[in-house]
């Protein structure tokens, strides 16, 4: 098998798997995944760019599918997914420092999602209040649970991510 072919196949399969897991987690926990006070369990996956660049399109597609399949407004599908993409790219760029990996998705969602809530859903909450509520959910999901996931995956990263490990 050609190395280049297997690398492309790996990338697509890992991206698709991450997108599927993100989508399923969001849909299973849909009641707490949306709204001004949200705790999206699937956001723990936003730390995966620490291990592989395949997580970047996987997270973006997963968020896009989740928002679309759960009936989110068009602006939410577009800009919520872009927030996740921005966060994933930032996480990948900061992958040299495990403790900084969670910062870009937390910031991207904390800054962008309150505006989405305002313009897509007509949320009457003040932007700063929505930033606090969304930010707390992101801190818990990515900052706490995401860092726990990094620590667990670090123990078996070579088995899961193999030679395609981001280092």
Protein backbone atom coordinates (compact mmCIF):
# COMPACT_ATOMS: atom_id res chain seq x y z
CA UNK A 1 0.00 0.00 0.00
CA UNK A 2 1.24 3.44 -0.90
CA UNK A 3 2.22 5.51 2.18
CA UNK A 4 0.61 8.66 0.74
CA UNK A 5 -2.66 6.79 0.12
CA UNK A 6 -2.73 5.36 3.63
CA UNK A 7 -2.00 8.79 5.10
CA UNK A 8 -4.91 10.37 3.19
CA UNK A 9 -7.18 7.48 4.12
CA UNK A 10 -6.21 7.78 7.79
CA UNK A 11 -6.87 11.50 7.74
CA UNK A 12 -10.33 11.08 6.21
CA UNK A 13 -11.29 8.18 8.47
CA UNK A 14 -10.14 9.94 11.65
CA UNK A 15 -11.89 13.15 10.60
CA UNK A 16 -15.09 11.26 9.88
CA UNK A 17 -14.90 9.34 13.17
CA UNK A 18 -14.39 12.55 15.15
CA UNK A 19 -17.26 14.23 13.29
CA UNK A 20 -19.52 11.27 14.02
CA UNK A 21 -18.64 11.16 17.72
CA UNK A 22 -19.12 14.93 18.04
CA UNK A 23 -22.50 14.72 16.30
CA UNK A 24 -23.75 11.78 18.36
CA UNK A 25 -22.67 13.36 21.66
CA UNK A 26 -24.36 16.64 20.76
CA UNK A 27 -27.58 14.93 19.69
CA UNK A 28 -27.75 12.61 22.70
CA UNK A 29 -27.28 15.55 25.04
CA UNK A 30 -29.28 18.02 22.89
CA UNK A 31 -31.32 19.46 25.80
CA UNK A 32 -28.16 20.87 27.38
CA UNK A 33 -26.20 21.42 24.14
CA UNK A 34 -28.08 24.50 22.94
CA UNK A 35 -29.24 27.84 24.29
CA UNK A 36 -27.77 30.70 26.32
CA UNK A 37 -26.82 28.37 29.15
CA UNK A 38 -25.29 25.39 27.41
CA UNK A 39 -23.01 22.56 28.32
CA UNK A 40 -22.05 20.78 25.14
CA UNK A 41 -20.43 17.49 26.18
CA UNK A 42 -19.10 17.05 22.63
CA UNK A 43 -16.86 20.08 23.15
CA UNK A 44 -14.42 17.90 25.10
CA UNK A 45 -13.28 16.70 21.67
CA UNK A 46 -11.99 20.21 20.90
CA UNK A 47 -8.67 19.17 22.47
CA UNK A 48 -8.07 16.46 19.86
CA UNK A 49 -5.99 18.75 17.58
CA UNK A 50 -3.34 18.27 20.29
CA UNK A 51 -2.98 14.73 18.92
CA UNK A 52 -3.88 14.94 15.23
CA UNK A 53 -4.61 17.58 12.57
CA UNK A 54 -7.44 15.31 11.36
CA UNK A 55 -9.42 16.65 14.31
CA UNK A 56 -9.72 20.08 12.67
CA UNK A 57 -12.09 19.11 9.83
CA UNK A 58 -13.67 16.46 12.05
CA UNK A 59 -14.69 18.99 14.69
CA UNK A 60 -15.90 21.47 12.09
CA UNK A 61 -18.02 18.90 10.24
CA UNK A 62 -19.27 17.43 13.52
CA UNK A 63 -20.42 20.82 14.75
CA UNK A 64 -21.95 21.66 11.37
CA UNK A 65 -23.87 18.38 11.27
CA UNK A 66 -24.94 18.67 14.91
CA UNK A 67 -26.31 22.14 14.50
CA UNK A 68 -28.03 21.27 11.23
CA UNK A 69 -29.53 17.96 12.40
CA UNK A 70 -30.75 19.44 15.70
CA UNK A 71 -32.61 22.21 13.85
CA UNK A 72 -30.39 25.15 14.71
CA UNK A 73 -30.91 28.45 12.91
CA UNK A 74 -28.92 28.99 9.73
CA UNK A 75 -26.69 31.61 11.38
CA UNK A 76 -25.95 29.13 14.17
CA UNK A 77 -25.10 26.37 11.71
CA UNK A 78 -22.68 28.68 9.91
CA UNK A 79 -21.12 30.79 12.66
CA UNK A 80 -21.28 28.18 15.44
CA UNK A 81 -19.39 25.81 13.16
CA UNK A 82 -16.90 28.53 12.22
CA UNK A 83 -16.28 29.19 15.93
CA UNK A 84 -15.45 25.52 16.35
CA UNK A 85 -13.17 25.63 13.28
CA UNK A 86 -11.33 28.69 14.59
CA UNK A 87 -10.91 27.02 17.98
CA UNK A 88 -9.66 23.77 16.42
CA UNK A 89 -7.08 25.57 14.27
CA UNK A 90 -5.92 27.56 17.30
CA UNK A 91 -5.64 24.38 19.36
CA UNK A 92 -3.54 22.74 16.66
CA UNK A 93 -1.22 25.77 16.51
CA UNK A 94 -0.74 25.61 20.31
CA UNK A 95 -0.28 21.81 20.45
CA UNK A 96 3.28 22.17 21.79
CA UNK A 97 1.81 23.24 25.14
CA UNK A 98 -0.83 20.86 26.49
CA UNK A 99 -2.25 23.45 28.87
CA UNK A 100 -2.84 26.07 26.17
CA UNK A 101 -4.65 23.72 23.75
CA UNK A 102 -8.01 24.34 25.41
CA UNK A 103 -7.77 28.15 25.25
CA UNK A 104 -8.64 28.82 21.56
CA UNK A 105 -11.94 26.88 21.47
CA UNK A 106 -13.01 28.36 24.80
CA UNK A 107 -12.29 31.89 23.57
CA UNK A 108 -13.75 31.38 20.07
CA UNK A 109 -17.03 30.03 21.43
CA UNK A 110 -17.23 32.50 24.31
CA UNK A 111 -16.84 35.44 21.91
CA UNK A 112 -18.83 34.23 18.87
CA UNK A 113 -21.74 32.18 20.26
CA UNK A 114 -23.39 35.02 22.27
CA UNK A 115 -23.63 37.05 19.05
CA UNK A 116 -25.12 34.01 17.29
CA UNK A 117 -27.67 33.68 20.08
CA UNK A 118 -28.57 37.36 19.72
CA UNK A 119 -28.90 37.50 15.93
CA UNK A 120 -30.03 33.96 15.12
CA UNK A 121 -32.49 33.49 17.97
CA UNK A 122 -33.24 37.03 19.14
CA UNK A 123 -31.87 36.33 22.61
CA UNK A 124 -32.68 39.22 24.91
CA UNK A 125 -29.71 38.47 27.16
CA UNK A 126 -26.97 41.03 27.29
CA UNK A 127 -23.94 39.97 25.26
CA UNK A 128 -21.65 40.06 28.30
CA UNK A 129 -24.09 37.86 30.26
CA UNK A 130 -24.25 35.35 27.40
CA UNK A 131 -20.44 35.41 27.20
CA UNK A 132 -20.29 34.49 30.88
CA UNK A 133 -22.82 31.65 30.60
CA UNK A 134 -21.38 30.22 27.37
CA UNK A 135 -17.84 30.73 28.72
CA UNK A 136 -18.61 28.78 31.90
CA UNK A 137 -19.99 25.89 29.85
CA UNK A 138 -16.91 25.95 27.63
CA UNK A 139 -14.54 26.12 30.61
CA UNK A 140 -16.19 23.08 32.13
CA UNK A 141 -16.43 21.08 28.89
CA UNK A 142 -13.06 21.91 27.37
CA UNK A 143 -10.99 23.26 30.23
CA UNK A 144 -11.89 20.56 32.75
CA UNK A 145 -13.21 17.54 30.83
CA UNK A 146 -11.05 18.22 27.76
CA UNK A 147 -7.88 18.30 29.86
CA UNK A 148 -8.95 15.05 31.53
CA UNK A 149 -9.38 13.56 28.05
CA UNK A 150 -5.88 14.71 27.05
CA UNK A 151 -4.42 13.04 30.12
CA UNK A 152 -6.26 9.78 29.42
CA UNK A 153 -5.36 9.77 25.71
CA UNK A 154 -1.72 10.65 26.43
CA UNK A 155 -1.32 7.22 27.99
CA UNK A 156 -2.27 5.44 24.77
CA UNK A 157 -1.67 8.08 22.10
CA UNK A 158 0.74 5.93 20.10
CA UNK A 159 -1.80 3.12 19.88
CA UNK A 160 -4.70 5.38 18.88
CA UNK A 161 -2.93 7.94 16.71
CA UNK A 162 0.11 5.90 15.67
CA UNK A 163 2.62 7.35 13.25
CA UNK A 164 0.26 10.22 12.40
CA UNK A 165 0.57 11.72 15.85
CA UNK A 166 1.02 15.52 15.83
CA UNK A 167 4.33 16.28 17.46
